[in-house]
C-alpha atoms as a PDB file:
ATOM      1  CA  MET A   1       0.000   0.000   0.000  1.00  0.00           C
ATOM      2  CA  THR A   2       1.065   3.578  -0.536  1.00  0.00           C
ATOM      3  CA  ALA A   3       1.402   5.931   2.402  1.00  0.00           C
ATOM      4  CA  GLU A   4      -1.739   7.710   1.243  1.00  0.00           C
ATOM      5  CA  GLN A   5      -3.713   4.455   1.132  1.00  0.00           C
ATOM      6  CA  ILE A   6      -2.508   3.528   4.620  1.00  0.00           C
ATOM      7  CA  GLN A   7      -3.426   6.934   5.975  1.00  0.00           C
ATOM      8  CA  GLN A   8      -6.875   6.682   4.422  1.00  0.00           C
ATOM      9  CA  GLY A   9      -7.331   3.175   5.849  1.00  0.00           C
ATOM     10  CA  ILE A  10      -6.350   4.276   9.332  1.00  0.00           C
ATOM     11  CA  ALA A  11      -8.951   7.022   9.222  1.00  0.00           C
ATOM     12  CA  ALA A  12     -11.632   4.826   7.673  1.00  0.00           C
ATOM     13  CA  HIS A  13     -11.282   2.085  10.310  1.00  0.00           C
ATOM     14  CA  ALA A  14     -11.021   4.371  13.363  1.00  0.00           C
ATOM     15  CA  PRO A  15     -11.445   4.167  16.293  1.00  0.00           C
ATOM     16  CA  TRP A  16      -8.673   1.663  17.032  1.00  0.00           C
ATOM     17  CA  PHE A  17      -8.184  -0.513  20.102  1.00  0.00           C
ATOM     18  CA  TYR A  18      -4.526  -1.348  19.435  1.00  0.00           C
ATOM     19  CA  ARG A  19      -1.601   0.804  18.412  1.00  0.00           C
ATOM     20  CA  PHE A  20      -0.084  -0.309  15.104  1.00  0.00           C
ATOM     21  CA  GLU A  21       2.927   1.203  13.356  1.00  0.00           C
ATOM     22  CA  PHE A  22       3.331   1.452   9.589  1.00  0.00           C
ATOM     23  CA  ALA A  23       6.002   2.599   7.159  1.00  0.00           C
ATOM     24  CA  GLY A  24       6.511   6.311   6.826  1.00  0.00           C
ATOM     25  CA  GLY A  25       5.894   6.989  10.520  1.00  0.00           C
ATOM     26  CA  LEU A  26       2.159   6.340  10.270  1.00  0.00           C
ATOM     27  CA  GLU A  27       0.398   4.719  13.209  1.00  0.00           C
ATOM     28  CA  THR A  28      -2.971   4.138  14.802  1.00  0.00           C
ATOM     29  CA  THR A  29      -3.957   5.707  18.114  1.00  0.00           C
ATOM     30  CA  SER A  30      -5.440   3.375  20.721  1.00  0.00           C
ATOM     31  CA  LEU A  31      -8.693   4.501  22.299  1.00  0.00           C
ATOM     32  CA  LEU A  32      -7.387   3.233  25.651  1.00  0.00           C
ATOM     33  CA  PRO A  33      -5.799   5.644  28.146  1.00  0.00           C
ATOM     34  CA  PRO A  34      -1.990   5.798  27.778  1.00  0.00           C
ATOM     35  CA  ALA A  35      -1.495   4.183  31.196  1.00  0.00           C
ATOM     36  CA  VAL A  36      -3.484   1.107  30.105  1.00  0.00           C
ATOM     37  CA  VAL A  37      -1.873   0.524  26.687  1.00  0.00           C
ATOM     38  CA  ASP A  38       1.120  -1.173  28.358  1.00  0.00           C
ATOM     39  CA  ILE A  39      -1.127  -4.179  28.969  1.00  0.00           C
ATOM     40  CA  PHE A  40      -0.560  -5.300  25.370  1.00  0.00           C
ATOM     41  CA  GLU A  41       3.231  -5.316  25.616  1.00  0.00           C
ATOM     42  CA  THR A  42       3.234  -7.203  28.922  1.00  0.00           C
ATOM     43  CA  ARG A  43       0.790  -9.770  27.551  1.00  0.00           C
ATOM     44  CA  LEU A  44       2.953 -10.271  24.457  1.00  0.00           C
ATOM     45  CA  ARG A  45       6.147 -10.671  26.483  1.00  0.00           C
ATOM     46  CA  MET A  46       4.492 -13.340  28.629  1.00  0.00           C
ATOM     47  CA  VAL A  47       3.076 -15.133  25.583  1.00  0.00           C
ATOM     48  CA  ASN A  48       6.475 -15.106  23.891  1.00  0.00           C
ATOM     49  CA  SER A  49       8.193 -16.534  26.963  1.00  0.00           C
ATOM     50  CA  ALA A  50       5.820 -19.509  27.034  1.00  0.00           C
ATOM     51  CA  VAL A  51       5.893 -20.079  23.264  1.00  0.00           C
ATOM     52  CA  ASP A  52       9.687 -19.880  22.994  1.00  0.00           C
ATOM     53  CA  ALA A  53      10.211 -22.161  25.995  1.00  0.00           C
ATOM     54  CA  HIS A  54       7.918 -24.854  24.628  1.00  0.00           C
ATOM     55  CA  PHE A  55       8.496 -24.825  20.864  1.00  0.00           C
ATOM     56  CA  GLY A  56      12.038 -23.488  20.550  1.00  0.00           C
ATOM     57  CA  ALA A  57      13.559 -24.426  17.188  1.00  0.00           C
ATOM     58  CA  ARG A  58      10.295 -26.103  16.115  1.00  0.00           C
ATOM     59  CA  LEU A  59       8.566 -22.732  15.746  1.00  0.00           C
ATOM     60  CA  PRO A  60       8.664 -22.720  11.897  1.00  0.00           C
ATOM     61  CA  GLU A  61       6.597 -25.941  11.954  1.00  0.00           C
ATOM     62  CA  VAL A  62       3.920 -24.549  14.284  1.00  0.00           C
ATOM     63  CA  ARG A  63       0.382 -23.715  13.176  1.00  0.00           C
ATOM     64  CA  CYS A  64      -1.235 -21.108  15.409  1.00  0.00           C
ATOM     65  CA  LEU A  65      -4.879 -20.287  16.112  1.00  0.00           C
ATOM     66  CA  ASP A  66      -5.635 -16.869  17.625  1.00  0.00           C
ATOM     67  CA  ILE A  67      -9.079 -17.116  19.263  1.00  0.00           C
ATOM     68  CA  GLY A  68     -10.796 -13.768  19.685  1.00  0.00           C
ATOM     69  CA  CYS A  69      -8.098 -12.184  17.536  1.00  0.00           C
ATOM     70  CA  HIS A  70      -9.734  -8.728  17.572  1.00  0.00           C
ATOM     71  CA  GLU A  71      -7.662  -6.407  15.325  1.00  0.00           C
ATOM     72  CA  GLY A  72      -4.933  -9.020  14.847  1.00  0.00           C
ATOM     73  CA  PHE A  73      -2.260  -7.697  17.207  1.00  0.00           C
ATOM     74  CA  TYR A  74      -1.145 -11.141  18.419  1.00  0.00           C
ATOM     75  CA  SER A  75      -1.764 -12.898  15.101  1.00  0.00           C
ATOM     76  CA  LEU A  76       0.709 -10.476  13.544  1.00  0.00           C
ATOM     77  CA  ALA A  77       3.183 -11.020  16.378  1.00  0.00           C
ATOM     78  CA  MET A  78       3.123 -14.804  15.874  1.00  0.00           C
ATOM     79  CA  ALA A  79       3.482 -14.431  12.094  1.00  0.00           C
ATOM     80  CA  ARG A  80       6.524 -12.209  12.614  1.00  0.00           C
ATOM     81  CA  LYS A  81       8.008 -14.812  14.966  1.00  0.00           C
ATOM     82  CA  GLY A  82       8.051 -17.181  12.012  1.00  0.00           C
ATOM     83  CA  VAL A  83       5.327 -19.715  12.710  1.00  0.00           C
ATOM     84  CA  ARG A  84       4.132 -21.795   9.775  1.00  0.00           C
ATOM     85  CA  GLY A  85       0.755 -20.073   9.597  1.00  0.00           C
ATOM     86  CA  VAL A  86      -1.852 -18.271  11.684  1.00  0.00           C
ATOM     87  CA  VAL A  87      -5.626 -18.445  11.652  1.00  0.00           C
ATOM     88  CA  GLY A  88      -7.352 -15.605  13.493  1.00  0.00           C
ATOM     89  CA  VAL A  89     -10.980 -16.029  14.557  1.00  0.00           C
ATOM     90  CA  ASP A  90     -13.235 -13.302  15.905  1.00  0.00           C
ATOM     91  CA  ALA A  91     -16.980 -12.920  16.447  1.00  0.00           C
ATOM     92  CA  ARG A  92     -17.088  -9.421  14.961  1.00  0.00           C
ATOM     93  CA  GLU A  93     -16.518  -8.794  11.263  1.00  0.00           C
ATOM     94  CA  GLU A  94     -15.667  -5.151  11.996  1.00  0.00           C
ATOM     95  CA  ASN A  95     -12.637  -6.334  13.982  1.00  0.00           C
ATOM     96  CA  LEU A  96     -11.581  -8.656  11.172  1.00  0.00           C
ATOM     97  CA  ARG A  97     -11.749  -5.825   8.623  1.00  0.00           C
ATOM     98  CA  ARG A  98      -9.251  -3.904  10.716  1.00  0.00           C
ATOM     99  CA  ALA A  99      -7.056  -6.982  11.126  1.00  0.00           C
ATOM    100  CA  ARG A 100      -6.961  -7.631   7.387  1.00  0.00           C
ATOM    101  CA  PHE A 101      -6.146  -4.002   6.683  1.00  0.00           C
ATOM    102  CA  VAL A 102      -3.225  -3.999   9.134  1.00  0.00           C
ATOM    103  CA  ALA A 103      -1.761  -7.232   7.738  1.00  0.00           C
ATOM    104  CA  ASP A 104      -1.993  -5.881   4.186  1.00  0.00           C
ATOM    105  CA  ALA A 105      -0.604  -2.467   5.106  1.00  0.00           C
ATOM    106  CA  GLN A 106       2.320  -3.997   6.992  1.00  0.00           C
ATOM    107  CA  GLY A 107       2.972  -6.583   4.295  1.00  0.00           C
ATOM    108  CA  VAL A 108       2.635  -9.554   6.654  1.00  0.00           C
ATOM    109  CA  ALA A 109       1.696 -12.820   4.927  1.00  0.00           C
ATOM    110  CA  GLY A 110       0.632 -16.176   6.295  1.00  0.00           C
ATOM    111  CA  ILE A 111      -2.440 -15.048   8.252  1.00  0.00           C
ATOM    112  CA  GLU A 112      -6.015 -16.116   7.531  1.00  0.00           C
ATOM    113  CA  TYR A 113      -8.835 -14.271   9.281  1.00  0.00           C
ATOM    114  CA  ARG A 114     -12.328 -15.690   9.585  1.00  0.00           C
ATOM    115  CA  GLU A 115     -15.489 -14.946  11.549  1.00  0.00           C
ATOM    116  CA  GLY A 116     -16.482 -17.362  14.305  1.00  0.00           C
ATOM    117  CA  ARG A 117     -17.412 -17.700  17.959  1.00  0.00           C
ATOM    118  CA  VAL A 118     -15.473 -19.566  20.592  1.00  0.00           C
ATOM    119  CA  GLU A 119     -18.743 -21.128  21.769  1.00  0.00           C
ATOM    120  CA  SER A 120     -18.922 -23.104  18.491  1.00  0.00           C
ATOM    121  CA  LEU A 121     -15.251 -23.019  17.575  1.00  0.00           C
ATOM    122  CA  ALA A 122     -14.596 -26.728  16.936  1.00  0.00           C
ATOM    123  CA  ALA A 123     -17.512 -27.146  14.530  1.00  0.00           C
ATOM    124  CA  GLY A 124     -16.682 -23.951  12.686  1.00  0.00           C
ATOM    125  CA  LEU A 125     -13.063 -24.937  12.168  1.00  0.00           C
ATOM    126  CA  ALA A 126     -14.006 -28.482  11.192  1.00  0.00           C
ATOM    127  CA  ALA A 127     -15.818 -27.015   8.181  1.00  0.00           C
ATOM    128  CA  SER A 128     -12.869 -24.897   7.026  1.00  0.00           C
ATOM    129  CA  HIS A 129      -9.941 -26.947   8.382  1.00  0.00           C
ATOM    130  CA  PRO A 130     -11.259 -30.542   8.562  1.00  0.00           C
ATOM    131  CA  GLY A 131      -9.395 -32.898  10.864  1.00  0.00           C
ATOM    132  CA  GLN A 132      -6.887 -30.277  11.971  1.00  0.00           C
ATOM    133  CA  THR A 133      -5.791 -29.151  15.378  1.00  0.00           C
ATOM    134  CA  PHE A 134      -3.387 -26.292  16.004  1.00  0.00           C
ATOM    135  CA  ASP A 135      -0.052 -26.806  17.729  1.00  0.00           C
ATOM    136  CA  LEU A 136      -0.466 -23.445  19.464  1.00  0.00           C
ATOM    137  CA  THR A 137      -3.678 -21.669  20.394  1.00  0.00           C
ATOM    138  CA  LEU A 138      -3.964 -18.197  21.897  1.00  0.00           C
ATOM    139  CA  PHE A 139      -6.973 -17.290  24.041  1.00  0.00           C
ATOM    140  CA  LEU A 140      -6.092 -13.800  25.197  1.00  0.00           C
ATOM    141  CA  GLY A 141      -8.399 -11.348  26.934  1.00  0.00           C
ATOM    142  CA  VAL A 142     -11.522 -13.325  26.030  1.00  0.00           C
ATOM    143  CA  LEU A 143     -12.422 -15.785  28.802  1.00  0.00           C
ATOM    144  CA  TYR A 144     -13.739 -13.146  31.203  1.00  0.00           C
ATOM    145  CA  HIS A 145     -16.159 -11.865  28.551  1.00  0.00           C
ATOM    146  CA  VAL A 146     -18.027 -15.155  27.961  1.00  0.00           C
ATOM    147  CA  GLU A 147     -21.137 -16.407  29.754  1.00  0.00           C
ATOM    148  CA  ASP A 148     -20.312 -20.139  29.558  1.00  0.00           C
ATOM    149  CA  PRO A 149     -16.597 -20.515  30.356  1.00  0.00           C
ATOM    150  CA  MET A 150     -16.553 -24.326  30.501  1.00  0.00           C
ATOM    151  CA  ARG A 151     -18.187 -24.684  27.108  1.00  0.00           C
ATOM    152  CA  CYS A 152     -15.661 -22.258  25.663  1.00  0.00           C
ATOM    153  CA  LEU A 153     -12.644 -23.921  27.270  1.00  0.00           C
ATOM    154  CA  ARG A 154     -13.753 -27.331  26.014  1.00  0.00           C
ATOM    155  CA  GLN A 155     -13.987 -25.852  22.518  1.00  0.00           C
ATOM    156  CA  VAL A 156     -10.492 -24.399  22.887  1.00  0.00           C
ATOM    157  CA  ALA A 157      -9.085 -27.698  24.147  1.00  0.00           C
ATOM    158  CA  ALA A 158     -10.687 -29.583  21.248  1.00  0.00           C
ATOM    159  CA  VAL A 159      -8.739 -27.572  18.648  1.00  0.00           C
ATOM    160  CA  THR A 160      -5.446 -27.374  20.578  1.00  0.00           C
ATOM    161  CA  GLY A 161      -2.781 -29.882  19.615  1.00  0.00           C
ATOM    162  CA  GLU A 162      -0.040 -29.043  22.106  1.00  0.00           C
ATOM    163  CA  MET A 163      -0.311 -25.796  24.026  1.00  0.00           C
ATOM    164  CA  CYS A 164      -2.765 -22.995  24.670  1.00  0.00           C
ATOM    165  CA  VAL A 165      -1.765 -19.665  26.180  1.00  0.00           C
ATOM    166  CA  ILE A 166      -4.618 -18.064  28.116  1.00  0.00           C
ATOM    167  CA  GLU A 167      -4.718 -14.514  29.468  1.00  0.00           C
ATOM    168  CA  THR A 168      -7.608 -13.375  31.607  1.00  0.00           C
ATOM    169  CA  GLN A 169      -8.760 -11.039  34.306  1.00  0.00           C
ATOM    170  CA  VAL A 170      -9.252 -12.930  37.579  1.00  0.00           C
ATOM    171  CA  VAL A 171     -11.159 -12.314  40.803  1.00  0.00           C
ATOM    172  CA  ASP A 172     -10.131 -12.981  44.403  1.00  0.00           C
ATOM    173  CA  GLU A 173     -10.323 -16.520  45.757  1.00  0.00           C
ATOM    174  CA  VAL A 174     -13.234 -17.692  47.879  1.00  0.00           C
ATOM    175  CA  ASP A 175     -13.002 -20.898  49.936  1.00  0.00           C
ATOM    176  CA  GLY A 176     -15.541 -22.574  52.207  1.00  0.00           C
ATOM    177  CA  PHE A 177     -18.151 -25.334  52.506  1.00  0.00           C
ATOM    178  CA  ALA A 178     -21.495 -25.662  50.725  1.00  0.00           C
ATOM    179  CA  GLU A 179     -24.473 -27.604  52.012  1.00  0.00           C
ATOM    180  CA  TRP A 180     -24.997 -30.505  49.619  1.00  0.00           C
ATOM    181  CA  GLY A 181     -28.483 -31.898  50.066  1.00  0.00           C
ATOM    182  CA  SER A 182     -28.680 -31.563  53.829  1.00  0.00           C
ATOM    183  CA  ARG A 183     -27.420 -29.377  56.652  1.00  0.00           C
ATOM    184  CA  GLU A 184     -25.178 -32.248  57.714  1.00  0.00           C
ATOM    185  CA  TRP A 185     -23.820 -32.951  54.243  1.00  0.00           C
ATOM    186  CA  THR A 186     -21.305 -30.455  52.953  1.00  0.00           C
ATOM    187  CA  ARG A 187     -18.790 -30.198  50.152  1.00  0.00           C
ATOM    188  CA  PRO A 188     -15.685 -28.028  50.221  1.00  0.00           C
ATOM    189  CA  TYR A 189     -15.221 -25.466  47.497  1.00  0.00           C
ATOM    190  CA  ALA A 190     -12.095 -23.669  46.398  1.00  0.00           C
ATOM    191  CA  GLY A 191     -12.155 -21.010  43.745  1.00  0.00           C
ATOM    192  CA  ILE A 192     -15.023 -19.001  42.347  1.00  0.00           C
ATOM    193  CA  ILE A 193     -16.584 -17.828  39.087  1.00  0.00           C
ATOM    194  CA  ALA A 194     -17.962 -14.300  39.378  1.00  0.00           C
ATOM    195  CA  VAL A 195     -20.902 -13.136  37.261  1.00  0.00           C
ATOM    196  CA  ILE A 196     -20.276  -9.742  35.653  1.00  0.00           C
ATOM    197  CA  ASP A 197     -22.929  -7.563  33.999  1.00  0.00           C
ATOM    198  CA  GLU A 198     -21.575  -5.917  30.839  1.00  0.00           C
ATOM    199  CA  THR A 199     -24.974  -4.645  29.689  1.00  0.00           C
ATOM    200  CA  PRO A 200     -24.003  -0.934  29.425  1.00  0.00           C
ATOM    201  CA  GLU A 201     -20.969  -1.739  27.264  1.00  0.00           C
ATOM    202  CA  PHE A 202     -22.785  -4.412  25.246  1.00  0.00           C
ATOM    203  CA  ASP A 203     -25.801  -2.234  24.486  1.00  0.00           C
ATOM    204  CA  THR A 204     -23.629   0.626  23.255  1.00  0.00           C
ATOM    205  CA  GLY A 205     -21.690  -1.624  20.872  1.00  0.00           C
ATOM    206  CA  ILE A 206     -18.343  -1.770  22.665  1.00  0.00           C
ATOM    207  CA  ARG A 207     -16.309  -4.243  20.622  1.00  0.00           C
ATOM    208  CA  GLU A 208     -14.475  -5.696  23.604  1.00  0.00           C
ATOM    209  CA  THR A 209     -17.544  -7.323  25.169  1.00  0.00           C
ATOM    210  CA  GLY A 210     -18.599 -10.896  24.465  1.00  0.00           C
ATOM    211  CA  VAL A 211     -21.545 -11.966  22.329  1.00  0.00           C
ATOM    212  CA  SER A 212     -23.964 -11.455  25.242  1.00  0.00           C
ATOM    213  CA  PRO A 213     -24.092  -8.926  28.117  1.00  0.00           C
ATOM    214  CA  MET A 214     -23.429 -11.617  30.735  1.00  0.00           C
ATOM    215  CA  ALA A 215     -19.773 -12.239  31.511  1.00  0.00           C
ATOM    216  CA  THR A 216     -18.015 -14.565  33.943  1.00  0.00           C
ATOM    217  CA  CYS A 217     -14.627 -14.117  35.569  1.00  0.00           C
ATOM    218  CA  PRO A 218     -12.762 -16.952  37.321  1.00  0.00           C
ATOM    219  CA  SER A 219     -10.404 -16.926  40.259  1.00  0.00           C
ATOM    220  CA  PRO A 220      -6.967 -18.502  39.641  1.00  0.00           C
ATOM    221  CA  LYS A 221      -7.933 -21.778  41.350  1.00  0.00           C
ATOM    222  CA  ALA A 222     -11.135 -21.976  39.346  1.00  0.00           C
ATOM    223  CA  LEU A 223      -9.197 -21.302  36.150  1.00  0.00           C
ATOM    224  CA  ARG A 224      -6.766 -24.146  36.823  1.00  0.00           C
ATOM    225  CA  TYR A 225      -9.568 -26.560  37.632  1.00  0.00           C
ATOM    226  CA  MET A 226     -11.617 -25.630  34.571  1.00  0.00           C
ATOM    227  CA  LEU A 227      -8.645 -25.988  32.225  1.00  0.00           C
ATOM    228  CA  LYS A 228      -7.958 -29.498  33.491  1.00  0.00           C
ATOM    229  CA  GLN A 229     -11.620 -30.455  33.248  1.00  0.00           C
ATOM    230  CA  ALA A 230     -11.635 -29.089  29.697  1.00  0.00           C
ATOM    231  CA  GLY A 231      -8.936 -31.553  28.682  1.00  0.00           C
ATOM    232  CA  PHE A 232      -5.560 -29.988  29.419  1.00  0.00           C
ATOM    233  CA  ALA A 233      -3.133 -32.244  31.268  1.00  0.00           C
ATOM    234  CA  ARG A 234      -0.986 -29.558  32.863  1.00  0.00           C
ATOM    235  CA  VAL A 235      -1.337 -25.864  33.620  1.00  0.00           C
ATOM    236  CA  GLU A 236       1.502 -23.452  34.424  1.00  0.00           C
ATOM    237  CA  MET A 237       1.134 -19.856  35.529  1.00  0.00           C
ATOM    238  CA  ILE A 238       3.594 -17.555  33.749  1.00  0.00           C
ATOM    239  CA  THR A 239       5.582 -15.211  35.975  1.00  0.00           C
ATOM    240  CA  PRO A 240       5.112 -11.526  35.028  1.00  0.00           C
ATOM    241  CA  PRO A 241       8.340  -9.934  33.743  1.00  0.00           C
ATOM    242  CA  PRO A 242      10.050  -6.947  35.399  1.00  0.00           C
ATOM    243  CA  GLY A 243       8.148  -3.758  34.636  1.00  0.00           C
ATOM    244  CA  ALA A 244       4.930  -5.659  33.908  1.00  0.00           C
ATOM    245  CA  TYR A 245       1.600  -3.888  33.527  1.00  0.00           C
ATOM    246  CA  GLU A 246       0.244  -3.151  36.999  1.00  0.00           C
ATOM    247  CA  GLN A 247      -2.623  -5.678  36.865  1.00  0.00           C
ATOM    248  CA  HIS A 248      -0.319  -8.510  35.839  1.00  0.00           C
ATOM    249  CA  ALA A 249       2.187  -7.480  38.481  1.00  0.00           C
ATOM    250  CA  ARG A 250      -0.531  -7.564  41.179  1.00  0.00           C
ATOM    251  CA  GLY A 251      -2.008 -10.860  40.024  1.00  0.00           C
ATOM    252  CA  LYS A 252      -5.321  -9.344  38.948  1.00  0.00           C
ATOM    253  CA  ARG A 253      -4.659 -10.573  35.420  1.00  0.00           C
ATOM    254  CA  VAL A 254      -2.875 -13.848  34.758  1.00  0.00           C
ATOM    255  CA  VAL A 255      -1.251 -15.594  31.830  1.00  0.00           C
ATOM    256  CA  CYS A 256      -1.034 -19.362  31.890  1.00  0.00           C
ATOM    257  CA  ALA A 257       0.165 -22.095  29.561  1.00  0.00           C
ATOM    258  CA  ALA A 258      -2.058 -25.169  29.322  1.00  0.00           C
ATOM    259  CA  TYR A 259      -0.587 -28.324  27.801  1.00  0.00           C
ATOM    260  CA  LYS A 260      -2.419 -31.274  26.253  1.00  0.00           C
ATOM    261  CA  ASP A 261       0.430 -33.650  27.125  1.00  0.00           C
ATOM    262  CA  ALA A 262       1.974 -33.205  30.571  1.00  0.00           C
ATOM    263  CA  ASN A 263       5.208 -34.893  29.466  1.00  0.00           C
ATOM    264  CA  LYS A 264       5.785 -32.286  26.746  1.00  0.00           C
ATOM    265  CA  ALA A 265       5.277 -29.243  28.951  1.00  0.00           C
ATOM    266  CA  ALA A 266       8.179 -26.858  29.293  1.00  0.00           C
ATOM    267  CA  SER A 267      10.115 -27.430  32.492  1.00  0.00           C
ATOM    268  CA  GLY A 268      11.564 -24.656  34.610  1.00  0.00           C
ATOM    269  CA  GLN A 269      10.365 -21.885  32.302  1.00  0.00           C
ATOM    270  CA  ALA A 270       7.218 -20.875  34.137  1.00  0.00           C
ATOM    271  CA  ALA A 271       6.225 -20.630  37.759  1.00  0.00           C
ATOM    272  CA  LYS A 272       3.674 -23.146  38.973  1.00  0.00           C
END
């Protein structure tokens, strides 16, 4: 694209959620406050640490699926790392239009973008990529916007061949005992899933909500348990790097690597 075409595209697709840089000093401006934009860089650094530790020299053989790809920020990052190919899936076509524009304007090849929902991910991919799983899946900033987290995680696990990197907001832990059929019969519980009402954002068309106004947010213990119930054999929490975004540093957002085969999980690269 020419500089004029890029400039016109930036204006036509505004407002932007992510900051993208193009040739000639052109760039998009994120609608997020400057203090919040650092979340993207921290998330990417943590994703890269898990991906590099697990795949290493095999990276050029890896097929990646970016679930909830939004404007393609992480799809582009994986393509630049040299993976074999990337498929980005998002529920909103308006996000995919931006993602396709950025890939074209930056001259990045090897990315396919398609519309789809995580709630029906496996069936949707079976139609376009029959019989395939992806060595690496990314599920970043999406889980806490869905109303049925277990259904979504089972869909993610079904299309993951080796490793999924998940990033999500989390809530504080809650532990205790629940009555289970009688006052005398109780069951212990550890971890919690909080119900969040995103109606104001959903009704005004905010692109970062899920496909319904009801959202759910897990605690770290609940997240671990759900990932294992979904079909992942091992889950590792990734340690935030020095200078991490404040929510990651305080443990209010987490990044974890979930492995289908416990024996192939990276050892010593992530904190349990």
